[in-house]
Amino acid sequence: MKILASLLIFGSVLLISNACSKQSEPMPEPEENDFVFTYNGKTYHQRVEAYFTAGVQSFHDKLSIFINMVDVFGGEIYFDEKNCAYLAPEYYKVYHDEDCNLDARVNNQTVPIDSTKVFIYQSGYLNASLTNCQTHTTDLGISVYTYTTCIASGTFELTLVNKIDETIEITSGTIYNYTVFIN
């Protein structure tokens, strides 16, 4: 009986000391073209190869992100560094001007947005920068095409709200070495 009790105590001490000495797995290092964010407690990791469901773009010297995940958000999210942000529901095309005035187009007619369906910027930030910009030239045979790529890295968080106070909150957004084509 003493031997069994000794074995149980020794086994328990061994298990406890082994459990206490275990270290958690280190977070994997971000890879090229990573785009990561958290929504409703779930972390989404989008790579450029993921059919362009999320990414970084630059138009007219303005950096912006997009998240086109209809299965998660019900549409496409647009967010630029001037805090113009909105969710356009699936099959609902939203346009914005330089001052982030939004409208929709139906049958080539400009109409006001449906503010119960379109979520707009409430709070957040997009803090990203472009580095390592390079100009590329491609000979297409009949003409030469020149374009620029840069590497974007940074962080973002975003809260969108609609007219009936429903919100979409995206947290812990990270952009890491994401290749951006400059227009």
N, C-alpha and C. Protein backbone atom coordinates (compact mmCIF):
# COMPACT_ATOMS: atom_id res chain seq x y z
N MET A 1 0.82 -1.19 0.00
CA MET A 1 0.00 0.00 0.00
C MET A 1 0.86 1.25 0.00
N LYS A 2 1.98 1.23 0.82
CA LYS A 2 2.88 2.37 0.86
C LYS A 2 3.53 2.59 -0.50
N ILE A 3 3.85 1.50 -1.18
CA ILE A 3 4.49 1.60 -2.49
C ILE A 3 3.51 2.24 -3.48
N LEU A 4 2.24 1.82 -3.47
CA LEU A 4 1.24 2.37 -4.37
C LEU A 4 1.03 3.86 -4.09
N ALA A 5 0.96 4.24 -2.82
CA ALA A 5 0.80 5.65 -2.46
C ALA A 5 2.00 6.46 -2.90
N SER A 6 3.20 5.90 -2.73
CA SER A 6 4.42 6.59 -3.16
C SER A 6 4.43 6.77 -4.67
N LEU A 7 4.02 5.74 -5.40
CA LEU A 7 3.97 5.83 -6.86
C LEU A 7 2.96 6.88 -7.31
N LEU A 8 1.80 6.92 -6.66
CA LEU A 8 0.78 7.91 -7.01
C LEU A 8 1.29 9.33 -6.73
N ILE A 9 1.93 9.53 -5.61
CA ILE A 9 2.47 10.85 -5.28
C ILE A 9 3.57 11.23 -6.27
N PHE A 10 4.49 10.30 -6.56
CA PHE A 10 5.57 10.57 -7.50
C PHE A 10 5.01 10.88 -8.89
N GLY A 11 4.03 10.09 -9.33
CA GLY A 11 3.40 10.32 -10.63
C GLY A 11 2.71 11.67 -10.69
N SER A 12 2.01 12.06 -9.63
CA SER A 12 1.32 13.35 -9.58
C SER A 12 2.32 14.49 -9.64
N VAL A 13 3.40 14.38 -8.86
CA VAL A 13 4.42 15.43 -8.87
C VAL A 13 5.06 15.53 -10.25
N LEU A 14 5.32 14.40 -10.87
CA LEU A 14 5.91 14.40 -12.21
C LEU A 14 4.97 15.05 -13.22
N LEU A 15 3.68 14.72 -13.17
CA LEU A 15 2.71 15.32 -14.08
C LEU A 15 2.59 16.83 -13.87
N ILE A 16 2.51 17.24 -12.62
CA ILE A 16 2.38 18.68 -12.32
C ILE A 16 3.62 19.43 -12.75
N SER A 17 4.80 18.90 -12.46
CA SER A 17 6.02 19.62 -12.85
C SER A 17 6.17 19.66 -14.36
N ASN A 18 5.75 18.60 -15.03
CA ASN A 18 5.82 18.58 -16.48
C ASN A 18 4.83 19.59 -17.08
N ALA A 19 3.62 19.67 -16.53
CA ALA A 19 2.62 20.61 -17.03
C ALA A 19 3.06 22.05 -16.79
N CYS A 20 3.69 22.31 -15.68
CA CYS A 20 4.12 23.67 -15.39
C CYS A 20 5.30 24.10 -16.25
N SER A 21 6.08 23.12 -16.71
CA SER A 21 7.25 23.50 -17.47
C SER A 21 6.96 23.67 -18.96
N LYS A 22 5.77 23.25 -19.40
CA LYS A 22 5.45 23.40 -20.82
C LYS A 22 5.29 24.87 -21.17
N GLN A 23 5.81 25.22 -22.30
CA GLN A 23 5.68 26.59 -22.78
C GLN A 23 4.71 26.61 -23.95
N SER A 24 3.97 27.71 -24.06
CA SER A 24 3.02 27.80 -25.16
C SER A 24 3.76 27.92 -26.48
N GLU A 25 3.07 27.51 -27.52
CA GLU A 25 3.64 27.59 -28.86
C GLU A 25 3.86 29.05 -29.23
N PRO A 26 5.00 29.38 -29.81
CA PRO A 26 5.21 30.77 -30.21
C PRO A 26 4.28 31.12 -31.37
N MET A 27 3.88 32.39 -31.45
CA MET A 27 3.05 32.85 -32.56
C MET A 27 3.88 32.73 -33.83
N PRO A 28 3.28 32.24 -34.91
CA PRO A 28 4.05 32.13 -36.15
C PRO A 28 4.39 33.51 -36.68
N GLU A 29 5.55 33.61 -37.28
CA GLU A 29 5.96 34.88 -37.87
C GLU A 29 5.07 35.18 -39.07
N PRO A 30 4.67 36.45 -39.22
CA PRO A 30 3.87 36.79 -40.39
C PRO A 30 4.67 36.54 -41.66
N GLU A 31 3.95 36.21 -42.71
CA GLU A 31 4.60 35.94 -43.98
C GLU A 31 4.30 37.08 -44.95
N GLU A 32 4.93 37.01 -46.11
CA GLU A 32 4.69 38.03 -47.12
C GLU A 32 3.22 37.99 -47.54
N ASN A 33 2.66 39.18 -47.78
CA ASN A 33 1.28 39.33 -48.22
C ASN A 33 0.26 38.85 -47.19
N ASP A 34 0.55 39.05 -45.92
CA ASP A 34 -0.39 38.70 -44.87
C ASP A 34 -1.34 39.85 -44.58
N PHE A 35 -2.58 39.50 -44.31
CA PHE A 35 -3.64 40.46 -43.97
C PHE A 35 -4.49 39.74 -42.92
N VAL A 36 -4.41 40.19 -41.66
CA VAL A 36 -5.02 39.48 -40.54
C VAL A 36 -5.91 40.45 -39.77
N PHE A 37 -7.08 39.97 -39.31
CA PHE A 37 -7.95 40.78 -38.46
C PHE A 37 -8.85 39.88 -37.64
N THR A 38 -9.48 40.45 -36.61
CA THR A 38 -10.39 39.71 -35.74
C THR A 38 -11.77 40.32 -35.83
N TYR A 39 -12.78 39.46 -35.94
CA TYR A 39 -14.18 39.88 -35.96
C TYR A 39 -14.99 38.86 -35.18
N ASN A 40 -15.78 39.34 -34.22
CA ASN A 40 -16.61 38.46 -33.37
C ASN A 40 -15.79 37.35 -32.72
N GLY A 41 -14.58 37.68 -32.28
CA GLY A 41 -13.74 36.71 -31.58
C GLY A 41 -13.00 35.73 -32.46
N LYS A 42 -13.21 35.79 -33.77
CA LYS A 42 -12.54 34.88 -34.70
C LYS A 42 -11.49 35.65 -35.48
N THR A 43 -10.31 35.06 -35.60
CA THR A 43 -9.23 35.68 -36.36
C THR A 43 -9.25 35.17 -37.79
N TYR A 44 -9.23 36.12 -38.72
CA TYR A 44 -9.21 35.80 -40.15
C TYR A 44 -7.83 36.13 -40.70
N HIS A 45 -7.27 35.20 -41.43
CA HIS A 45 -5.93 35.32 -41.97
C HIS A 45 -6.07 35.21 -43.48
N GLN A 46 -5.97 36.33 -44.17
CA GLN A 46 -6.17 36.37 -45.62
C GLN A 46 -4.85 36.62 -46.32
N ARG A 47 -4.50 35.73 -47.22
CA ARG A 47 -3.30 35.92 -48.02
C ARG A 47 -3.71 36.37 -49.40
N VAL A 48 -2.80 36.97 -50.12
CA VAL A 48 -3.12 37.51 -51.43
C VAL A 48 -3.65 36.42 -52.37
N GLU A 49 -3.28 35.20 -52.14
CA GLU A 49 -3.74 34.11 -52.99
C GLU A 49 -5.19 33.73 -52.71
N ALA A 50 -5.79 34.29 -51.66
CA ALA A 50 -7.14 33.90 -51.24
C ALA A 50 -8.21 34.59 -52.09
N TYR A 51 -8.05 34.56 -53.39
CA TYR A 51 -9.03 35.09 -54.33
C TYR A 51 -9.38 36.55 -54.05
N PHE A 52 -8.43 37.29 -53.54
CA PHE A 52 -8.59 38.72 -53.28
C PHE A 52 -9.80 39.02 -52.41
N THR A 53 -10.01 38.23 -51.38
CA THR A 53 -11.10 38.49 -50.45
C THR A 53 -10.78 39.64 -49.50
N ALA A 54 -9.53 39.95 -49.34
CA ALA A 54 -9.11 41.08 -48.51
C ALA A 54 -7.76 41.55 -49.00
N GLY A 55 -7.52 42.85 -48.88
CA GLY A 55 -6.23 43.34 -49.33
C GLY A 55 -6.07 44.83 -49.18
N VAL A 56 -4.98 45.31 -49.76
CA VAL A 56 -4.58 46.72 -49.68
C VAL A 56 -4.51 47.24 -51.11
N GLN A 57 -4.95 48.47 -51.30
CA GLN A 57 -4.88 49.09 -52.62
C GLN A 57 -4.50 50.55 -52.48
N SER A 58 -4.02 51.14 -53.55
CA SER A 58 -3.66 52.56 -53.56
C SER A 58 -4.16 53.18 -54.86
N PHE A 59 -5.01 54.19 -54.72
CA PHE A 59 -5.52 54.95 -55.86
C PHE A 59 -5.40 56.43 -55.54
N HIS A 60 -4.89 57.19 -56.47
CA HIS A 60 -4.78 58.65 -56.33
C HIS A 60 -4.07 59.03 -55.03
N ASP A 61 -2.96 58.36 -54.74
CA ASP A 61 -2.15 58.62 -53.55
C ASP A 61 -2.90 58.42 -52.24
N LYS A 62 -3.90 57.56 -52.24
CA LYS A 62 -4.65 57.26 -51.02
C LYS A 62 -4.63 55.76 -50.80
N LEU A 63 -4.13 55.35 -49.64
CA LEU A 63 -4.06 53.94 -49.28
C LEU A 63 -5.40 53.50 -48.70
N SER A 64 -5.87 52.32 -49.07
CA SER A 64 -7.12 51.81 -48.52
C SER A 64 -7.05 50.29 -48.42
N ILE A 65 -7.98 49.75 -47.64
CA ILE A 65 -8.11 48.30 -47.53
C ILE A 65 -9.51 47.91 -47.98
N PHE A 66 -9.65 46.67 -48.38
CA PHE A 66 -10.97 46.13 -48.69
C PHE A 66 -11.07 44.73 -48.10
N ILE A 67 -12.27 44.37 -47.68
CA ILE A 67 -12.54 43.03 -47.18
C ILE A 67 -13.83 42.59 -47.85
N ASN A 68 -13.72 41.70 -48.81
CA ASN A 68 -14.87 41.23 -49.57
C ASN A 68 -15.19 39.81 -49.13
N MET A 69 -15.88 39.71 -48.00
CA MET A 69 -16.21 38.41 -47.42
C MET A 69 -17.72 38.39 -47.16
N VAL A 70 -18.47 38.11 -48.20
CA VAL A 70 -19.93 38.12 -48.14
C VAL A 70 -20.43 37.12 -47.09
N ASP A 71 -19.78 35.98 -46.98
CA ASP A 71 -20.20 34.96 -46.02
C ASP A 71 -20.05 35.42 -44.58
N VAL A 72 -19.17 36.39 -44.32
CA VAL A 72 -18.94 36.88 -42.95
C VAL A 72 -19.68 38.19 -42.70
N PHE A 73 -19.56 39.14 -43.62
CA PHE A 73 -20.11 40.48 -43.42
C PHE A 73 -21.36 40.77 -44.25
N GLY A 74 -21.67 39.94 -45.20
CA GLY A 74 -22.82 40.21 -46.06
C GLY A 74 -22.53 41.17 -47.19
N GLY A 75 -21.26 41.49 -47.40
CA GLY A 75 -20.88 42.41 -48.46
C GLY A 75 -19.41 42.74 -48.41
N GLU A 76 -19.04 43.88 -49.02
CA GLU A 76 -17.64 44.31 -49.09
C GLU A 76 -17.42 45.56 -48.24
N ILE A 77 -16.34 45.52 -47.45
CA ILE A 77 -15.95 46.66 -46.62
C ILE A 77 -14.84 47.42 -47.33
N TYR A 78 -14.97 48.74 -47.35
CA TYR A 78 -13.95 49.64 -47.88
C TYR A 78 -13.54 50.56 -46.73
N PHE A 79 -12.22 50.82 -46.58
CA PHE A 79 -11.73 51.70 -45.52
C PHE A 79 -10.45 52.35 -46.00
N ASP A 80 -10.42 53.69 -46.02
CA ASP A 80 -9.19 54.36 -46.45
C ASP A 80 -8.57 55.17 -45.32
N GLU A 81 -7.37 55.67 -45.58
CA GLU A 81 -6.60 56.36 -44.55
C GLU A 81 -7.19 57.71 -44.17
N LYS A 82 -8.21 58.19 -44.88
CA LYS A 82 -8.90 59.42 -44.50
C LYS A 82 -10.17 59.13 -43.71
N ASN A 83 -10.29 57.90 -43.21
CA ASN A 83 -11.43 57.43 -42.42
C ASN A 83 -12.74 57.41 -43.18
N CYS A 84 -12.68 57.22 -44.46
CA CYS A 84 -13.87 56.95 -45.24
C CYS A 84 -14.03 55.43 -45.22
N ALA A 85 -15.14 54.96 -44.67
CA ALA A 85 -15.34 53.52 -44.55
C ALA A 85 -16.82 53.19 -44.65
N TYR A 86 -17.09 52.06 -45.26
CA TYR A 86 -18.47 51.60 -45.36
C TYR A 86 -18.51 50.12 -45.72
N LEU A 87 -19.65 49.51 -45.45
CA LEU A 87 -19.93 48.15 -45.90
C LEU A 87 -21.01 48.26 -46.96
N ALA A 88 -20.72 47.81 -48.15
CA ALA A 88 -21.70 47.75 -49.23
C ALA A 88 -22.25 46.33 -49.27
N PRO A 89 -23.55 46.15 -49.05
CA PRO A 89 -24.12 44.80 -49.09
C PRO A 89 -23.93 44.15 -50.45
N GLU A 90 -23.99 42.84 -50.48
CA GLU A 90 -23.84 42.10 -51.73
C GLU A 90 -24.88 42.60 -52.74
N TYR A 91 -24.47 42.73 -53.98
CA TYR A 91 -25.29 43.20 -55.11
C TYR A 91 -25.71 44.66 -54.97
N TYR A 92 -25.05 45.42 -54.13
CA TYR A 92 -25.41 46.82 -53.90
C TYR A 92 -24.14 47.64 -54.07
N LYS A 93 -24.02 48.35 -55.16
CA LYS A 93 -22.79 49.08 -55.46
C LYS A 93 -22.84 50.46 -54.83
N VAL A 94 -21.88 50.74 -53.95
CA VAL A 94 -21.79 52.04 -53.28
C VAL A 94 -20.59 52.79 -53.86
N TYR A 95 -20.79 54.07 -54.11
CA TYR A 95 -19.73 54.94 -54.61
C TYR A 95 -19.49 56.04 -53.59
N HIS A 96 -18.26 56.56 -53.58
CA HIS A 96 -17.95 57.67 -52.68
C HIS A 96 -17.10 58.69 -53.43
N ASP A 97 -17.22 59.95 -52.98
CA ASP A 97 -16.38 60.99 -53.58
C ASP A 97 -15.23 61.30 -52.62
N GLU A 98 -14.44 62.33 -52.92
CA GLU A 98 -13.28 62.69 -52.09
C GLU A 98 -13.65 63.01 -50.65
N ASP A 99 -14.87 63.51 -50.42
CA ASP A 99 -15.32 63.86 -49.06
C ASP A 99 -16.09 62.73 -48.41
N CYS A 100 -16.08 61.56 -49.01
CA CYS A 100 -16.76 60.35 -48.51
C CYS A 100 -18.28 60.50 -48.50
N ASN A 101 -18.82 61.29 -49.40
CA ASN A 101 -20.27 61.32 -49.59
C ASN A 101 -20.63 60.06 -50.38
N LEU A 102 -21.57 59.29 -49.86
CA LEU A 102 -21.91 58.00 -50.45
C LEU A 102 -23.20 58.09 -51.25
N ASP A 103 -23.24 57.33 -52.33
CA ASP A 103 -24.48 57.14 -53.06
C ASP A 103 -24.45 55.77 -53.72
N ALA A 104 -25.57 55.38 -54.26
CA ALA A 104 -25.67 54.09 -54.93
C ALA A 104 -26.13 54.32 -56.35
N ARG A 105 -25.92 53.33 -57.20
CA ARG A 105 -26.37 53.43 -58.59
C ARG A 105 -27.28 52.25 -58.88
N VAL A 106 -28.47 52.57 -59.34
CA VAL A 106 -29.43 51.55 -59.72
C VAL A 106 -29.93 51.92 -61.11
N ASN A 107 -29.78 51.01 -62.07
CA ASN A 107 -30.19 51.27 -63.46
C ASN A 107 -29.62 52.59 -63.97
N ASN A 108 -28.33 52.79 -63.72
CA ASN A 108 -27.62 54.00 -64.13
C ASN A 108 -28.18 55.28 -63.52
N GLN A 109 -28.93 55.17 -62.46
CA GLN A 109 -29.48 56.33 -61.75
C GLN A 109 -28.80 56.42 -60.38
N THR A 110 -28.41 57.64 -59.99
CA THR A 110 -27.85 57.85 -58.66
C THR A 110 -28.99 57.96 -57.66
N VAL A 111 -28.91 57.13 -56.62
CA VAL A 111 -29.95 57.12 -55.59
C VAL A 111 -29.28 57.19 -54.22
N PRO A 112 -30.00 57.67 -53.20
CA PRO A 112 -29.43 57.67 -51.85
C PRO A 112 -29.19 56.24 -51.37
N ILE A 113 -28.23 56.08 -50.48
CA ILE A 113 -27.96 54.75 -49.94
C ILE A 113 -29.06 54.37 -48.95
N ASP A 114 -29.26 53.09 -48.80
CA ASP A 114 -30.18 52.57 -47.79
C ASP A 114 -29.38 52.43 -46.50
N SER A 115 -29.57 53.36 -45.58
CA SER A 115 -28.71 53.42 -44.39
C SER A 115 -29.03 52.35 -43.36
N THR A 116 -30.01 51.48 -43.62
CA THR A 116 -30.18 50.32 -42.76
C THR A 116 -29.33 49.16 -43.26
N LYS A 117 -29.00 49.17 -44.56
CA LYS A 117 -28.20 48.10 -45.16
C LYS A 117 -26.72 48.47 -45.27
N VAL A 118 -26.44 49.75 -45.52
CA VAL A 118 -25.06 50.21 -45.68
C VAL A 118 -24.55 50.69 -44.33
N PHE A 119 -23.50 50.03 -43.86
CA PHE A 119 -22.86 50.43 -42.60
C PHE A 119 -21.81 51.48 -42.93
N ILE A 120 -21.68 52.51 -42.07
CA ILE A 120 -20.71 53.57 -42.32
C ILE A 120 -19.75 53.71 -41.14
N TYR A 121 -18.68 54.45 -41.36
CA TYR A 121 -17.62 54.65 -40.37
C TYR A 121 -18.17 55.23 -39.07
N GLN A 122 -17.81 54.61 -37.95
CA GLN A 122 -18.10 55.16 -36.63
C GLN A 122 -16.80 55.52 -35.93
N SER A 123 -15.82 54.60 -35.97
CA SER A 123 -14.51 54.88 -35.36
C SER A 123 -13.48 53.92 -35.93
N GLY A 124 -12.22 54.25 -35.70
CA GLY A 124 -11.15 53.37 -36.13
C GLY A 124 -9.99 54.13 -36.73
N TYR A 125 -9.02 53.38 -37.19
CA TYR A 125 -7.83 53.97 -37.80
C TYR A 125 -7.23 53.00 -38.80
N LEU A 126 -6.55 53.54 -39.76
CA LEU A 126 -5.73 52.78 -40.70
C LEU A 126 -4.37 53.44 -40.68
N ASN A 127 -3.41 52.77 -40.09
CA ASN A 127 -2.06 53.30 -39.95
C ASN A 127 -1.12 52.38 -40.72
N ALA A 128 -0.90 52.73 -41.98
CA ALA A 128 -0.05 51.88 -42.83
C ALA A 128 0.87 52.75 -43.66
N SER A 129 1.96 52.17 -44.08
CA SER A 129 2.90 52.92 -44.92
C SER A 129 3.38 52.03 -46.06
N LEU A 130 3.85 52.71 -47.10
CA LEU A 130 4.39 52.03 -48.27
C LEU A 130 5.90 52.19 -48.29
N THR A 131 6.60 51.10 -48.54
CA THR A 131 8.07 51.14 -48.63
C THR A 131 8.50 50.31 -49.83
N ASN A 132 9.78 50.38 -50.13
CA ASN A 132 10.39 49.55 -51.16
C ASN A 132 9.64 49.62 -52.49
N CYS A 133 9.28 50.82 -52.91
CA CYS A 133 8.57 51.00 -54.18
C CYS A 133 9.52 50.78 -55.35
N GLN A 134 9.04 50.04 -56.34
CA GLN A 134 9.86 49.72 -57.51
C GLN A 134 9.01 49.86 -58.77
N THR A 135 9.61 50.41 -59.80
CA THR A 135 8.95 50.53 -61.09
C THR A 135 9.31 49.34 -61.95
N HIS A 136 8.31 48.79 -62.60
CA HIS A 136 8.49 47.60 -63.44
C HIS A 136 8.04 47.94 -64.86
N THR A 137 8.65 47.30 -65.82
CA THR A 137 8.27 47.49 -67.22
C THR A 137 8.06 46.12 -67.84
N THR A 138 6.94 45.99 -68.55
CA THR A 138 6.63 44.74 -69.23
C THR A 138 6.37 45.03 -70.69
N ASP A 139 7.07 44.32 -71.55
CA ASP A 139 6.87 44.48 -72.99
C ASP A 139 5.73 43.57 -73.41
N LEU A 140 4.63 44.17 -73.86
CA LEU A 140 3.46 43.41 -74.29
C LEU A 140 3.47 43.10 -75.78
N GLY A 141 4.55 43.40 -76.44
CA GLY A 141 4.66 43.13 -77.87
C GLY A 141 4.27 44.35 -78.70
N ILE A 142 3.05 44.83 -78.52
CA ILE A 142 2.60 46.01 -79.28
C ILE A 142 2.76 47.30 -78.48
N SER A 143 3.00 47.15 -77.18
CA SER A 143 3.25 48.33 -76.34
C SER A 143 4.01 47.89 -75.09
N VAL A 144 4.50 48.89 -74.38
CA VAL A 144 5.22 48.63 -73.14
C VAL A 144 4.36 49.14 -71.99
N TYR A 145 4.19 48.30 -70.98
CA TYR A 145 3.38 48.65 -69.82
C TYR A 145 4.31 48.89 -68.64
N THR A 146 4.18 50.06 -68.01
CA THR A 146 4.98 50.40 -66.84
C THR A 146 4.07 50.54 -65.63
N TYR A 147 4.48 49.95 -64.52
CA TYR A 147 3.69 50.02 -63.29
C TYR A 147 4.64 50.03 -62.09
N THR A 148 4.10 50.41 -60.94
CA THR A 148 4.88 50.49 -59.71
C THR A 148 4.26 49.58 -58.67
N THR A 149 5.11 48.89 -57.92
CA THR A 149 4.66 48.12 -56.77
C THR A 149 5.38 48.64 -55.53
N CYS A 150 4.70 48.58 -54.41
CA CYS A 150 5.28 48.93 -53.12
C CYS A 150 4.88 47.86 -52.11
N ILE A 151 5.53 47.89 -50.97
CA ILE A 151 5.21 46.97 -49.89
C ILE A 151 4.49 47.78 -48.80
N ALA A 152 3.28 47.32 -48.44
CA ALA A 152 2.49 47.98 -47.38
C ALA A 152 2.59 47.17 -46.10
N SER A 153 2.74 47.87 -45.00
CA SER A 153 2.72 47.26 -43.67
C SER A 153 2.04 48.23 -42.72
N GLY A 154 1.32 47.70 -41.74
CA GLY A 154 0.67 48.58 -40.77
C GLY A 154 -0.40 47.86 -39.97
N THR A 155 -1.23 48.67 -39.32
CA THR A 155 -2.29 48.14 -38.46
C THR A 155 -3.59 48.90 -38.73
N PHE A 156 -4.70 48.28 -38.34
CA PHE A 156 -6.00 48.95 -38.47
C PHE A 156 -7.00 48.35 -37.50
N GLU A 157 -7.99 49.17 -37.17
CA GLU A 157 -9.18 48.75 -36.43
C GLU A 157 -10.33 49.57 -36.99
N LEU A 158 -11.53 49.02 -36.97
CA LEU A 158 -12.65 49.69 -37.61
C LEU A 158 -13.96 49.27 -36.96
N THR A 159 -14.80 50.27 -36.67
CA THR A 159 -16.17 50.01 -36.24
C THR A 159 -17.10 50.72 -37.22
N LEU A 160 -18.02 49.95 -37.79
CA LEU A 160 -19.03 50.48 -38.70
C LEU A 160 -20.39 50.38 -38.01
N VAL A 161 -21.29 51.30 -38.36
CA VAL A 161 -22.63 51.31 -37.76
C VAL A 161 -23.66 51.62 -38.84
N ASN A 162 -24.86 51.08 -38.70
CA ASN A 162 -25.93 51.44 -39.62
C ASN A 162 -26.97 52.29 -38.90
N LYS A 163 -28.02 52.66 -39.61
CA LYS A 163 -29.04 53.57 -39.08
C LYS A 163 -29.77 53.01 -37.86
N ILE A 164 -29.83 51.69 -37.74
CA ILE A 164 -30.54 51.10 -36.61
C ILE A 164 -29.56 50.61 -35.53
N ASP A 165 -28.38 51.23 -35.49
CA ASP A 165 -27.35 51.00 -34.46
C ASP A 165 -26.79 49.58 -34.39
N GLU A 166 -26.86 48.84 -35.47
CA GLU A 166 -26.13 47.58 -35.54
C GLU A 166 -24.68 47.93 -35.87
N THR A 167 -23.73 47.21 -35.29
CA THR A 167 -22.33 47.52 -35.54
C THR A 167 -21.56 46.31 -36.05
N ILE A 168 -20.49 46.62 -36.73
CA ILE A 168 -19.48 45.65 -37.16
C ILE A 168 -18.17 46.17 -36.60
N GLU A 169 -17.52 45.38 -35.75
CA GLU A 169 -16.27 45.81 -35.13
C GLU A 169 -15.14 44.87 -35.52
N ILE A 170 -14.16 45.43 -36.21
CA ILE A 170 -12.98 44.68 -36.63
C ILE A 170 -11.82 45.17 -35.78
N THR A 171 -11.11 44.23 -35.15
CA THR A 171 -10.00 44.60 -34.26
C THR A 171 -8.74 43.86 -34.68
N SER A 172 -7.64 44.29 -34.11
CA SER A 172 -6.33 43.64 -34.27
C SER A 172 -5.95 43.42 -35.73
N GLY A 173 -6.26 44.39 -36.58
CA GLY A 173 -5.92 44.28 -38.00
C GLY A 173 -4.44 44.51 -38.22
N THR A 174 -3.82 43.63 -38.99
CA THR A 174 -2.41 43.74 -39.31
C THR A 174 -2.19 43.51 -40.80
N ILE A 175 -1.41 44.37 -41.39
CA ILE A 175 -0.99 44.23 -42.78
C ILE A 175 0.51 44.04 -42.73
N TYR A 176 1.01 42.96 -43.33
CA TYR A 176 2.44 42.69 -43.22
C TYR A 176 3.01 42.36 -44.60
N ASN A 177 3.92 43.20 -45.06
CA ASN A 177 4.62 42.99 -46.33
C ASN A 177 3.65 42.66 -47.48
N TYR A 178 2.61 43.45 -47.59
CA TYR A 178 1.58 43.22 -48.60
C TYR A 178 1.94 43.98 -49.87
N THR A 179 2.07 43.29 -50.98
CA THR A 179 2.43 43.92 -52.24
C THR A 179 1.24 44.69 -52.79
N VAL A 180 1.47 45.97 -53.10
CA VAL A 180 0.42 46.86 -53.58
C VAL A 180 0.82 47.39 -54.96
N PHE A 181 -0.10 47.34 -55.90
CA PHE A 181 0.10 47.96 -57.19
C PHE A 181 -0.37 49.41 -57.11
N ILE A 182 0.45 50.35 -57.51
CA ILE A 182 0.15 51.78 -57.40
C ILE A 182 -0.43 52.27 -58.73
N ASN A 183 -1.59 52.92 -58.64
CA ASN A 183 -2.22 53.51 -59.82
C ASN A 183 -2.09 55.01 -59.79
